Amino acid sequence: MLKVKDAAERLGLSISTLNKWRCYGTGPRFVKLGTSVLYREEDLDTFVAAQVRTSTWAPANDNGRDMKGVA
């Protein structure tokens, strides 16, 4: 498991961004043991995979969206 600093480094994010995402519930899954926050590598990989897009307008996890009517 990775500490917040190591997880942020692996994702190419600031620690602050990862902390905010955790508070908002928008970031990768994490483990809370006592006062420690840890990230499992497989959860980081899953989070990154869910961010893949086929266009700039497609929301996350909507890569198969029907393109009809799109100019």
Foldseek 3Di string as FASTA:
>chain_A
DAFLCVLCVVVVHDSVVVVVCVVVVNAFDWDCDPNTIGDDPVSSVVRVVQQDEPDPPDDGPCRVPDCPPPD
